[in-house]
Each structure stands twice: as structure tokens, then as C-alpha cells.
Amino acid sequence: MRIVWSPTALDQLDEIYNVITTERDTATAAKWFLKINDAVSNLAEFPLSGSSIPESILGEHFSDLVGLRQLIVKPYRVIYEVDDATCNILGVMRTSRLVNLESLRP
């Protein structure tokens, strides 16, 4: 399966890298970047390994999130969706944040 990163997801990953570099150091930021990237790479072989997003069970307000999945790389989560041949990475955020679909899709 092919992995496709959205511009939003790449921007969020870049922001995470910059924050960690500022708060800690470049080596720690690189470690997290690789950890997230390695986890996402595994989706090519196991696209359904992530769980459904908990927000999707909260009723009508979150109905647009049904079908999205998350891959936890604590303290971050990668939001993605799977179609026939592609795993689309939509966003990367802290696990403490609720998923806002409008912030993930252009």
C-alpha cells in the first residue's frame, strides 16, 4: 500500500520537530521524527493496525470522523484514512488534542 502525506500532516510534523528542537535539542527532535516516520511506514503493510478515533463514537457532532483511524506514537497520534490502494496521512498531533476535521482537510 502506498503512503501519502498531506501538506497539513507534513506541516504538523515539521512544527513538532521545531518545537522539540526549541524545547530540547535537534537530536531529540530527530529521534521523534524517525519514530513517527517508522510507525507510519508500517502502515504500508498493515494499514488497519491503527485504531478508530475515539471522537467518532461521540455522536452526530463527530460523524465526519467515522472511518478515520489513528496510530498512537505517544505523546502523538497520526490521523489517517485508508482507501483501496493508499494510506492517506491527514495529520499529526498530540494525543491530548481533539481531532478537528476542518484542520486536517483543505
PDB file of N, CA and C in Angstrom:
ATOM      1  N   MET A   1       0.844  -1.174   0.000  1.00  0.00           N
ATOM      2  CA  MET A   1       0.000   0.000   0.000  1.00  0.00           C
ATOM      3  C   MET A   1       0.892   1.242   0.000  1.00  0.00           C
ATOM      4  N   ARG A   2       0.458   2.232  -0.710  1.00  0.00           N
ATOM      5  CA  ARG A   2       1.213   3.477  -0.823  1.00  0.00           C
ATOM      6  C   ARG A   2       0.844   4.425   0.318  1.00  0.00           C
ATOM      7  N   ILE A   3       1.833   5.109   0.867  1.00  0.00           N
ATOM      8  CA  ILE A   3       1.629   6.105   1.918  1.00  0.00           C
ATOM      9  C   ILE A   3       1.711   7.491   1.280  1.00  0.00           C
ATOM     10  N   VAL A   4       0.701   8.327   1.532  1.00  0.00           N
ATOM     11  CA  VAL A   4       0.691   9.697   1.009  1.00  0.00           C
ATOM     12  C   VAL A   4       0.476  10.656   2.171  1.00  0.00           C
ATOM     13  N   TRP A   5       1.444  11.548   2.374  1.00  0.00           N
ATOM     14  CA  TRP A   5       1.347  12.562   3.428  1.00  0.00           C
ATOM     15  C   TRP A   5       0.650  13.804   2.864  1.00  0.00           C
ATOM     16  N   SER A   6      -0.350  14.301   3.548  1.00  0.00           N
ATOM     17  CA  SER A   6      -0.994  15.552   3.131  1.00  0.00           C
ATOM     18  C   SER A   6      -0.082  16.727   3.489  1.00  0.00           C
ATOM     19  N   PRO A   7      -0.254  17.855   2.809  1.00  0.00           N
ATOM     20  CA  PRO A   7       0.520  19.043   3.186  1.00  0.00           C
ATOM     21  C   PRO A   7       0.300  19.429   4.652  1.00  0.00           C
ATOM     22  N   THR A   8      -0.928  19.275   5.142  1.00  0.00           N
ATOM     23  CA  THR A   8      -1.220  19.592   6.546  1.00  0.00           C
ATOM     24  C   THR A   8      -0.422  18.702   7.481  1.00  0.00           C
ATOM     25  N   ALA A   9      -0.389  17.404   7.198  1.00  0.00           N
ATOM     26  CA  ALA A   9       0.347  16.466   8.047  1.00  0.00           C
ATOM     27  C   ALA A   9       1.838  16.778   8.040  1.00  0.00           C
ATOM     28  N   LEU A  10       2.371  17.105   6.863  1.00  0.00           N
ATOM     29  CA  LEU A  10       3.795  17.451   6.783  1.00  0.00           C
ATOM     30  C   LEU A  10       4.097  18.730   7.557  1.00  0.00           C
ATOM     31  N   ASP A  11       3.192  19.705   7.475  1.00  0.00           N
ATOM     32  CA  ASP A  11       3.371  20.951   8.245  1.00  0.00           C
ATOM     33  C   ASP A  11       3.340  20.667   9.742  1.00  0.00           C
ATOM     34  N   GLN A  12       2.411  19.815  10.170  1.00  0.00           N
ATOM     35  CA  GLN A  12       2.312  19.484  11.592  1.00  0.00           C
ATOM     36  C   GLN A  12       3.547  18.723  12.066  1.00  0.00           C
ATOM     37  N   LEU A  13       4.050  17.817  11.251  1.00  0.00           N
ATOM     38  CA  LEU A  13       5.259  17.086  11.614  1.00  0.00           C
ATOM     39  C   LEU A  13       6.450  18.037  11.714  1.00  0.00           C
ATOM     40  N   ASP A  14       6.533  18.981  10.803  1.00  0.00           N
ATOM     41  CA  ASP A  14       7.582  19.992  10.833  1.00  0.00           C
ATOM     42  C   ASP A  14       7.473  20.854  12.093  1.00  0.00           C
ATOM     43  N   GLU A  15       6.252  21.208  12.463  1.00  0.00           N
ATOM     44  CA  GLU A  15       6.030  22.008  13.672  1.00  0.00           C
ATOM     45  C   GLU A  15       6.459  21.234  14.923  1.00  0.00           C
ATOM     46  N   ILE A  16       6.126  19.958  14.982  1.00  0.00           N
ATOM     47  CA  ILE A  16       6.550  19.113  16.107  1.00  0.00           C
ATOM     48  C   ILE A  16       8.069  19.092  16.196  1.00  0.00           C
ATOM     49  N   TYR A  17       8.720  18.901  15.061  1.00  0.00           N
ATOM     50  CA  TYR A  17      10.180  18.884  15.022  1.00  0.00           C
ATOM     51  C   TYR A  17      10.746  20.202  15.554  1.00  0.00           C
ATOM     52  N   ASN A  18      10.192  21.320  15.091  1.00  0.00           N
ATOM     53  CA  ASN A  18      10.685  22.635  15.523  1.00  0.00           C
ATOM     54  C   ASN A  18      10.466  22.887  17.013  1.00  0.00           C
ATOM     55  N   VAL A  19       9.321  22.482  17.521  1.00  0.00           N
ATOM     56  CA  VAL A  19       9.038  22.665  18.949  1.00  0.00           C
ATOM     57  C   VAL A  19      10.006  21.838  19.793  1.00  0.00           C
ATOM     58  N   ILE A  20      10.210  20.581  19.421  1.00  0.00           N
ATOM     59  CA  ILE A  20      11.119  19.728  20.189  1.00  0.00           C
ATOM     60  C   ILE A  20      12.542  20.268  20.106  1.00  0.00           C
ATOM     61  N   THR A  21      12.940  20.747  18.927  1.00  0.00           N
ATOM     62  CA  THR A  21      14.277  21.334  18.780  1.00  0.00           C
ATOM     63  C   THR A  21      14.436  22.532  19.700  1.00  0.00           C
ATOM     64  N   THR A  22      13.409  23.371  19.791  1.00  0.00           N
ATOM     65  CA  THR A  22      13.460  24.565  20.636  1.00  0.00           C
ATOM     66  C   THR A  22      13.460  24.194  22.116  1.00  0.00           C
ATOM     67  N   GLU A  23      12.583  23.264  22.495  1.00  0.00           N
ATOM     68  CA  GLU A  23      12.448  22.911  23.909  1.00  0.00           C
ATOM     69  C   GLU A  23      13.544  21.967  24.401  1.00  0.00           C
ATOM     70  N   ARG A  24      14.061  21.135  23.510  1.00  0.00           N
ATOM     71  CA  ARG A  24      15.079  20.153  23.903  1.00  0.00           C
ATOM     72  C   ARG A  24      16.338  20.359  23.071  1.00  0.00           C
ATOM     73  N   ASP A  25      16.448  19.587  21.990  1.00  0.00           N
ATOM     74  CA  ASP A  25      17.605  19.697  21.092  1.00  0.00           C
ATOM     75  C   ASP A  25      17.293  18.987  19.777  1.00  0.00           C
ATOM     76  N   THR A  26      18.165  19.168  18.807  1.00  0.00           N
ATOM     77  CA  THR A  26      17.959  18.598  17.479  1.00  0.00           C
ATOM     78  C   THR A  26      17.987  17.070  17.503  1.00  0.00           C
ATOM     79  N   ALA A  27      18.839  16.484  18.311  1.00  0.00           N
ATOM     80  CA  ALA A  27      18.924  15.024  18.378  1.00  0.00           C
ATOM     81  C   ALA A  27      17.607  14.414  18.865  1.00  0.00           C
ATOM     82  N   THR A  28      17.003  15.026  19.868  1.00  0.00           N
ATOM     83  CA  THR A  28      15.723  14.532  20.389  1.00  0.00           C
ATOM     84  C   THR A  28      14.636  14.708  19.342  1.00  0.00           C
ATOM     85  N   ALA A  29      14.630  15.839  18.655  1.00  0.00           N
ATOM     86  CA  ALA A  29      13.642  16.082  17.597  1.00  0.00           C
ATOM     87  C   ALA A  29      13.787  15.052  16.478  1.00  0.00           C
ATOM     88  N   ALA A  30      15.024  14.758  16.101  1.00  0.00           N
ATOM     89  CA  ALA A  30      15.270  13.773  15.041  1.00  0.00           C
ATOM     90  C   ALA A  30      14.788  12.385  15.478  1.00  0.00           C
ATOM     91  N   LYS A  31      14.977  12.064  16.749  1.00  0.00           N
ATOM     92  CA  LYS A  31      14.521  10.776  17.282  1.00  0.00           C
ATOM     93  C   LYS A  31      13.013  10.647  17.129  1.00  0.00           C
ATOM     94  N   TRP A  32      12.277  11.705  17.498  1.00  0.00           N
ATOM     95  CA  TRP A  32      10.812  11.676  17.384  1.00  0.00           C
ATOM     96  C   TRP A  32      10.361  11.635  15.939  1.00  0.00           C
ATOM     97  N   PHE A  33      11.046  12.384  15.089  1.00  0.00           N
ATOM     98  CA  PHE A  33      10.721  12.380  13.665  1.00  0.00           C
ATOM     99  C   PHE A  33      10.840  10.962  13.115  1.00  0.00           C
ATOM    100  N   LEU A  34      11.946  10.295  13.414  1.00  0.00           N
ATOM    101  CA  LEU A  34      12.160   8.928  12.930  1.00  0.00           C
ATOM    102  C   LEU A  34      11.161   7.940  13.527  1.00  0.00           C
ATOM    103  N   LYS A  35      10.839   8.122  14.799  1.00  0.00           N
ATOM    104  CA  LYS A  35       9.883   7.233  15.456  1.00  0.00           C
ATOM    105  C   LYS A  35       8.505   7.327  14.795  1.00  0.00           C
ATOM    106  N   ILE A  36       8.055   8.545  14.524  1.00  0.00           N
ATOM    107  CA  ILE A  36       6.770   8.746  13.855  1.00  0.00           C
ATOM    108  C   ILE A  36       6.835   8.215  12.427  1.00  0.00           C
ATOM    109  N   ASN A  37       7.893   8.536  11.717  1.00  0.00           N
ATOM    110  CA  ASN A  37       8.034   8.093  10.329  1.00  0.00           C
ATOM    111  C   ASN A  37       8.090   6.565  10.232  1.00  0.00           C
ATOM    112  N   ASP A  38       8.800   5.913  11.140  1.00  0.00           N
ATOM    113  CA  ASP A  38       8.866   4.454  11.138  1.00  0.00           C
ATOM    114  C   ASP A  38       7.491   3.831  11.392  1.00  0.00           C
ATOM    115  N   ALA A  39       6.752   4.400  12.328  1.00  0.00           N
ATOM    116  CA  ALA A  39       5.406   3.889  12.628  1.00  0.00           C
ATOM    117  C   ALA A  39       4.496   4.030  11.402  1.00  0.00           C
ATOM    118  N   VAL A  40       4.575   5.172  10.736  1.00  0.00           N
ATOM    119  CA  VAL A  40       3.756   5.394   9.533  1.00  0.00           C
ATOM    120  C   VAL A  40       4.182   4.436   8.420  1.00  0.00           C
ATOM    121  N   SER A  41       5.463   4.195   8.283  1.00  0.00           N
ATOM    122  CA  SER A  41       5.950   3.276   7.241  1.00  0.00           C
ATOM    123  C   SER A  41       5.343   1.883   7.397  1.00  0.00           C
ATOM    124  N   ASN A  42       5.110   1.470   8.635  1.00  0.00           N
ATOM    125  CA  ASN A  42       4.499   0.161   8.880  1.00  0.00           C
ATOM    126  C   ASN A  42       3.074   0.072   8.353  1.00  0.00           C
ATOM    127  N   LEU A  43       2.417   1.224   8.170  1.00  0.00           N
ATOM    128  CA  LEU A  43       1.056   1.212   7.651  1.00  0.00           C
ATOM    129  C   LEU A  43       0.989   0.700   6.217  1.00  0.00           C
ATOM    130  N   ALA A  44       2.090   0.775   5.477  1.00  0.00           N
ATOM    131  CA  ALA A  44       2.101   0.266   4.108  1.00  0.00           C
ATOM    132  C   ALA A  44       1.773  -1.230   4.080  1.00  0.00           C
ATOM    133  N   GLU A  45       2.239  -1.937   5.087  1.00  0.00           N
ATOM    134  CA  GLU A  45       1.978  -3.371   5.164  1.00  0.00           C
ATOM    135  C   GLU A  45       0.764  -3.706   6.029  1.00  0.00           C
ATOM    136  N   PHE A  46       0.513  -2.882   7.053  1.00  0.00           N
ATOM    137  CA  PHE A  46      -0.582  -3.139   7.987  1.00  0.00           C
ATOM    138  C   PHE A  46      -1.460  -1.892   8.127  1.00  0.00           C
ATOM    139  N   PRO A  47      -2.204  -1.527   7.092  1.00  0.00           N
ATOM    140  CA  PRO A  47      -2.937  -0.255   7.090  1.00  0.00           C
ATOM    141  C   PRO A  47      -4.042  -0.150   8.142  1.00  0.00           C
ATOM    142  N   LEU A  48      -4.545  -1.259   8.607  1.00  0.00           N
ATOM    143  CA  LEU A  48      -5.616  -1.207   9.608  1.00  0.00           C
ATOM    144  C   LEU A  48      -5.097  -1.429  11.022  1.00  0.00           C
ATOM    145  N   SER A  49      -3.790  -1.307  11.207  1.00  0.00           N
ATOM    146  CA  SER A  49      -3.213  -1.539  12.526  1.00  0.00           C
ATOM    147  C   SER A  49      -3.560  -0.434  13.520  1.00  0.00           C
ATOM    148  N   GLY A  50      -3.883   0.739  13.038  1.00  0.00           N
ATOM    149  CA  GLY A  50      -4.311   1.819  13.920  1.00  0.00           C
ATOM    150  C   GLY A  50      -5.749   1.612  14.358  1.00  0.00           C
ATOM    151  N   SER A  51      -6.125   2.280  15.417  1.00  0.00           N
ATOM    152  CA  SER A  51      -7.483   2.144  15.949  1.00  0.00           C
ATOM    153  C   SER A  51      -8.406   3.205  15.372  1.00  0.00           C
ATOM    154  N   SER A  52      -9.712   2.987  15.549  1.00  0.00           N
ATOM    155  CA  SER A  52     -10.675   4.023  15.214  1.00  0.00           C
ATOM    156  C   SER A  52     -10.466   5.188  16.161  1.00  0.00           C
ATOM    157  N   ILE A  53     -10.815   6.369  15.713  1.00  0.00           N
ATOM    158  CA  ILE A  53     -10.631   7.556  16.559  1.00  0.00           C
ATOM    159  C   ILE A  53     -11.759   7.609  17.579  1.00  0.00           C
ATOM    160  N   PRO A  54     -11.454   7.711  18.867  1.00  0.00           N
ATOM    161  CA  PRO A  54     -12.495   7.719  19.888  1.00  0.00           C
ATOM    162  C   PRO A  54     -13.553   8.802  19.668  1.00  0.00           C
ATOM    163  N   GLU A  55     -13.171   9.948  19.136  1.00  0.00           N
ATOM    164  CA  GLU A  55     -14.135  11.020  18.906  1.00  0.00           C
ATOM    165  C   GLU A  55     -15.269  10.575  17.981  1.00  0.00           C
ATOM    166  N   SER A  56     -15.008   9.566  17.144  1.00  0.00           N
ATOM    167  CA  SER A  56     -16.001   9.135  16.174  1.00  0.00           C
ATOM    168  C   SER A  56     -17.209   8.474  16.830  1.00  0.00           C
ATOM    169  N   ILE A  57     -17.112   8.094  18.090  1.00  0.00           N
ATOM    170  CA  ILE A  57     -18.246   7.457  18.759  1.00  0.00           C
ATOM    171  C   ILE A  57     -19.073   8.452  19.571  1.00  0.00           C
ATOM    172  N   LEU A  58     -18.736   9.723  19.487  1.00  0.00           N
ATOM    173  CA  LEU A  58     -19.407  10.708  20.330  1.00  0.00           C
ATOM    174  C   LEU A  58     -20.660  11.307  19.716  1.00  0.00           C
ATOM    175  N   GLY A  59     -21.141  10.733  18.626  1.00  0.00           N
ATOM    176  CA  GLY A  59     -22.416  11.163  18.087  1.00  0.00           C
ATOM    177  C   GLY A  59     -22.307  12.040  16.862  1.00  0.00           C
ATOM    178  N   GLU A  60     -23.404  12.747  16.600  1.00  0.00           N
ATOM    179  CA  GLU A  60     -23.562  13.500  15.359  1.00  0.00           C
ATOM    180  C   GLU A  60     -22.474  14.533  15.120  1.00  0.00           C
ATOM    181  N   HIS A  61     -22.036  15.216  16.172  1.00  0.00           N
ATOM    182  CA  HIS A  61     -21.022  16.270  16.014  1.00  0.00           C
ATOM    183  C   HIS A  61     -19.741  15.739  15.389  1.00  0.00           C
ATOM    184  N   PHE A  62     -19.394  14.500  15.654  1.00  0.00           N
ATOM    185  CA  PHE A  62     -18.156  13.926  15.155  1.00  0.00           C
ATOM    186  C   PHE A  62     -18.391  12.915  14.027  1.00  0.00           C
ATOM    187  N   SER A  63     -19.594  12.923  13.421  1.00  0.00           N
ATOM    188  CA  SER A  63     -19.919  11.902  12.427  1.00  0.00           C
ATOM    189  C   SER A  63     -18.987  11.921  11.222  1.00  0.00           C
ATOM    190  N   ASP A  64     -18.411  13.070  10.888  1.00  0.00           N
ATOM    191  CA  ASP A  64     -17.491  13.138   9.753  1.00  0.00           C
ATOM    192  C   ASP A  64     -16.167  12.445  10.036  1.00  0.00           C
ATOM    193  N   LEU A  65     -15.895  12.110  11.284  1.00  0.00           N
ATOM    194  CA  LEU A  65     -14.639  11.444  11.628  1.00  0.00           C
ATOM    195  C   LEU A  65     -14.729   9.932  11.485  1.00  0.00           C
ATOM    196  N   VAL A  66     -15.942   9.403  11.310  1.00  0.00           N
ATOM    197  CA  VAL A  66     -16.093   7.954  11.174  1.00  0.00           C
ATOM    198  C   VAL A  66     -15.316   7.504   9.943  1.00  0.00           C
ATOM    199  N   GLY A  67     -14.537   6.456  10.099  1.00  0.00           N
ATOM    200  CA  GLY A  67     -13.719   5.954   9.009  1.00  0.00           C
ATOM    201  C   GLY A  67     -12.267   6.384   9.108  1.00  0.00           C
ATOM    202  N   LEU A  68     -12.018   7.416   9.894  1.00  0.00           N
ATOM    203  CA  LEU A  68     -10.630   7.817  10.113  1.00  0.00           C
ATOM    204  C   LEU A  68     -10.021   6.916  11.174  1.00  0.00           C
ATOM    205  N   ARG A  69      -8.721   6.748  11.100  1.00  0.00           N
ATOM    206  CA  ARG A  69      -8.012   5.908  12.049  1.00  0.00           C
ATOM    207  C   ARG A  69      -6.880   6.713  12.672  1.00  0.00           C
ATOM    208  N   GLN A  70      -6.346   6.189  13.758  1.00  0.00           N
ATOM    209  CA  GLN A  70      -5.219   6.838  14.410  1.00  0.00           C
ATOM    210  C   GLN A  70      -4.159   5.812  14.758  1.00  0.00           C
ATOM    211  N   LEU A  71      -2.935   6.263  14.659  1.00  0.00           N
ATOM    212  CA  LEU A  71      -1.790   5.463  15.047  1.00  0.00           C
ATOM    213  C   LEU A  71      -1.118   6.214  16.184  1.00  0.00           C
ATOM    214  N   ILE A  72      -1.063   5.610  17.345  1.00  0.00           N
ATOM    215  CA  ILE A  72      -0.507   6.271  18.517  1.00  0.00           C
ATOM    216  C   ILE A  72       1.005   6.069  18.569  1.00  0.00           C
ATOM    217  N   VAL A  73       1.711   7.187  18.662  1.00  0.00           N
ATOM    218  CA  VAL A  73       3.154   7.214  18.893  1.00  0.00           C
ATOM    219  C   VAL A  73       3.312   8.220  20.037  1.00  0.00           C
ATOM    220  N   LYS A  74       3.040   7.747  21.266  1.00  0.00           N
ATOM    221  CA  LYS A  74       2.934   8.644  22.424  1.00  0.00           C
ATOM    222  C   LYS A  74       4.103   9.611  22.515  1.00  0.00           C
ATOM    223  N   PRO A  75       3.790  10.886  22.744  1.00  0.00           N
ATOM    224  CA  PRO A  75       2.508  11.503  23.047  1.00  0.00           C
ATOM    225  C   PRO A  75       1.779  12.041  21.809  1.00  0.00           C
ATOM    226  N   TYR A  76       2.053  11.483  20.652  1.00  0.00           N
ATOM    227  CA  TYR A  76       1.438  11.959  19.410  1.00  0.00           C
ATOM    228  C   TYR A  76       0.518  10.912  18.830  1.00  0.00           C
ATOM    229  N   ARG A  77      -0.356  11.369  17.947  1.00  0.00           N
ATOM    230  CA  ARG A  77      -1.157  10.440  17.167  1.00  0.00           C
ATOM    231  C   ARG A  77      -1.168  10.901  15.719  1.00  0.00           C
ATOM    232  N   VAL A  78      -1.101   9.936  14.851  1.00  0.00           N
ATOM    233  CA  VAL A  78      -1.133  10.166  13.418  1.00  0.00           C
ATOM    234  C   VAL A  78      -2.544   9.831  12.958  1.00  0.00           C
ATOM    235  N   ILE A  79      -3.214  10.796  12.327  1.00  0.00           N
ATOM    236  CA  ILE A  79      -4.571  10.601  11.834  1.00  0.00           C
ATOM    237  C   ILE A  79      -4.479  10.226  10.360  1.00  0.00           C
ATOM    238  N   TYR A  80      -5.176   9.145   9.985  1.00  0.00           N
ATOM    239  CA  TYR A  80      -5.107   8.709   8.598  1.00  0.00           C
ATOM    240  C   TYR A  80      -6.401   8.044   8.162  1.00  0.00           C
ATOM    241  N   GLU A  81      -6.530   7.886   6.846  1.00  0.00           N
ATOM    242  CA  GLU A  81      -7.640   7.129   6.284  1.00  0.00           C
ATOM    243  C   GLU A  81      -7.085   6.214   5.200  1.00  0.00           C
ATOM    244  N   VAL A  82      -7.779   5.124   4.987  1.00  0.00           N
ATOM    245  CA  VAL A  82      -7.326   4.111   4.038  1.00  0.00           C
ATOM    246  C   VAL A  82      -8.362   3.986   2.931  1.00  0.00           C
ATOM    247  N   ASP A  83      -7.886   4.006   1.678  1.00  0.00           N
ATOM    248  CA  ASP A  83      -8.768   3.649   0.570  1.00  0.00           C
ATOM    249  C   ASP A  83      -8.198   2.403  -0.092  1.00  0.00           C
ATOM    250  N   ASP A  84      -8.593   2.098  -1.289  1.00  0.00           N
ATOM    251  CA  ASP A  84      -8.222   0.833  -1.930  1.00  0.00           C
ATOM    252  C   ASP A  84      -6.721   0.571  -1.970  1.00  0.00           C
ATOM    253  N   ALA A  85      -5.937   1.585  -2.343  1.00  0.00           N
ATOM    254  CA  ALA A  85      -4.502   1.348  -2.534  1.00  0.00           C
ATOM    255  C   ALA A  85      -3.624   2.364  -1.820  1.00  0.00           C
ATOM    256  N   THR A  86      -4.230   3.256  -1.037  1.00  0.00           N
ATOM    257  CA  THR A  86      -3.478   4.351  -0.446  1.00  0.00           C
ATOM    258  C   THR A  86      -3.838   4.535   1.019  1.00  0.00           C
ATOM    259  N   CYS A  87      -2.812   4.812   1.794  1.00  0.00           N
ATOM    260  CA  CYS A  87      -2.993   5.217   3.183  1.00  0.00           C
ATOM    261  C   CYS A  87      -2.677   6.712   3.218  1.00  0.00           C
ATOM    262  N   ASN A  88      -3.693   7.528   3.417  1.00  0.00           N
ATOM    263  CA  ASN A  88      -3.555   8.989   3.401  1.00  0.00           C
ATOM    264  C   ASN A  88      -3.333   9.507   4.817  1.00  0.00           C
ATOM    265  N   ILE A  89      -2.158  10.072   5.061  1.00  0.00           N
ATOM    266  CA  ILE A  89      -1.839  10.638   6.364  1.00  0.00           C
ATOM    267  C   ILE A  89      -2.391  12.059   6.381  1.00  0.00           C
ATOM    268  N   LEU A  90      -3.350  12.310   7.260  1.00  0.00           N
ATOM    269  CA  LEU A  90      -4.054  13.592   7.290  1.00  0.00           C
ATOM    270  C   LEU A  90      -3.501  14.563   8.317  1.00  0.00           C
ATOM    271  N   GLY A  91      -2.957  14.041   9.412  1.00  0.00           N
ATOM    272  CA  GLY A  91      -2.467  14.941  10.451  1.00  0.00           C
ATOM    273  C   GLY A  91      -1.656  14.226  11.507  1.00  0.00           C
ATOM    274  N   VAL A  92      -0.885  15.010  12.237  1.00  0.00           N
ATOM    275  CA  VAL A  92      -0.088  14.515  13.364  1.00  0.00           C
ATOM    276  C   VAL A  92      -0.273  15.520  14.490  1.00  0.00           C
ATOM    277  N   MET A  93      -0.689  15.041  15.646  1.00  0.00           N
ATOM    278  CA  MET A  93      -0.958  15.955  16.765  1.00  0.00           C
ATOM    279  C   MET A  93      -0.749  15.239  18.086  1.00  0.00           C
ATOM    280  N   ARG A  94      -0.737  16.005  19.148  1.00  0.00           N
ATOM    281  CA  ARG A  94      -0.647  15.420  20.486  1.00  0.00           C
ATOM    282  C   ARG A  94      -1.922  14.636  20.769  1.00  0.00           C
ATOM    283  N   THR A  95      -1.788  13.576  21.518  1.00  0.00           N
ATOM    284  CA  THR A  95      -2.946  12.738  21.824  1.00  0.00           C
ATOM    285  C   THR A  95      -3.985  13.476  22.666  1.00  0.00           C
ATOM    286  N   SER A  96      -3.577  14.524  23.351  1.00  0.00           N
ATOM    287  CA  SER A  96      -4.499  15.269  24.205  1.00  0.00           C
ATOM    288  C   SER A  96      -5.444  16.179  23.416  1.00  0.00           C
ATOM    289  N   ARG A  97      -5.155  16.413  22.149  1.00  0.00           N
ATOM    290  CA  ARG A  97      -5.996  17.289  21.327  1.00  0.00           C
ATOM    291  C   ARG A  97      -7.122  16.504  20.666  1.00  0.00           C
ATOM    292  N   LEU A  98      -8.316  17.110  20.625  1.00  0.00           N
ATOM    293  CA  LEU A  98      -9.407  16.520  19.867  1.00  0.00           C
ATOM    294  C   LEU A  98      -9.135  16.698  18.380  1.00  0.00           C
ATOM    295  N   VAL A  99      -9.619  15.783  17.585  1.00  0.00           N
ATOM    296  CA  VAL A  99      -9.435  15.871  16.149  1.00  0.00           C
ATOM    297  C   VAL A  99     -10.459  16.853  15.578  1.00  0.00           C
ATOM    298  N   ASN A 100      -9.949  17.814  14.815  1.00  0.00           N
ATOM    299  CA  ASN A 100     -10.807  18.781  14.129  1.00  0.00           C
ATOM    300  C   ASN A 100     -10.662  18.517  12.642  1.00  0.00           C
ATOM    301  N   LEU A 101     -11.709  17.953  12.036  1.00  0.00           N
ATOM    302  CA  LEU A 101     -11.634  17.567  10.631  1.00  0.00           C
ATOM    303  C   LEU A 101     -11.304  18.745   9.727  1.00  0.00           C
ATOM    304  N   GLU A 102     -11.825  19.908  10.053  1.00  0.00           N
ATOM    305  CA  GLU A 102     -11.561  21.098   9.230  1.00  0.00           C
ATOM    306  C   GLU A 102     -10.080  21.454   9.205  1.00  0.00           C
ATOM    307  N   SER A 103      -9.346  21.128  10.260  1.00  0.00           N
ATOM    308  CA  SER A 103      -7.917  21.433  10.284  1.00  0.00           C
ATOM    309  C   SER A 103      -7.091  20.384   9.540  1.00  0.00           C
ATOM    310  N   LEU A 104      -7.718  19.250   9.198  1.00  0.00           N
ATOM    311  CA  LEU A 104      -6.988  18.177   8.528  1.00  0.00           C
ATOM    312  C   LEU A 104      -7.170  18.176   7.019  1.00  0.00           C
ATOM    313  N   ARG A 105      -8.293  18.679   6.571  1.00  0.00           N
ATOM    314  CA  ARG A 105      -8.588  18.649   5.136  1.00  0.00           C
ATOM    315  C   ARG A 105      -8.648  20.072   4.592  1.00  0.00           C
ATOM    316  N   PRO A 106      -8.047  20.277   3.409  1.00  0.00           N
ATOM    317  CA  PRO A 106      -8.059  21.630   2.819  1.00  0.00           C
ATOM    318  C   PRO A 106      -9.442  22.061   2.389  1.00  0.00           C
TER     319      PRO A 106
END
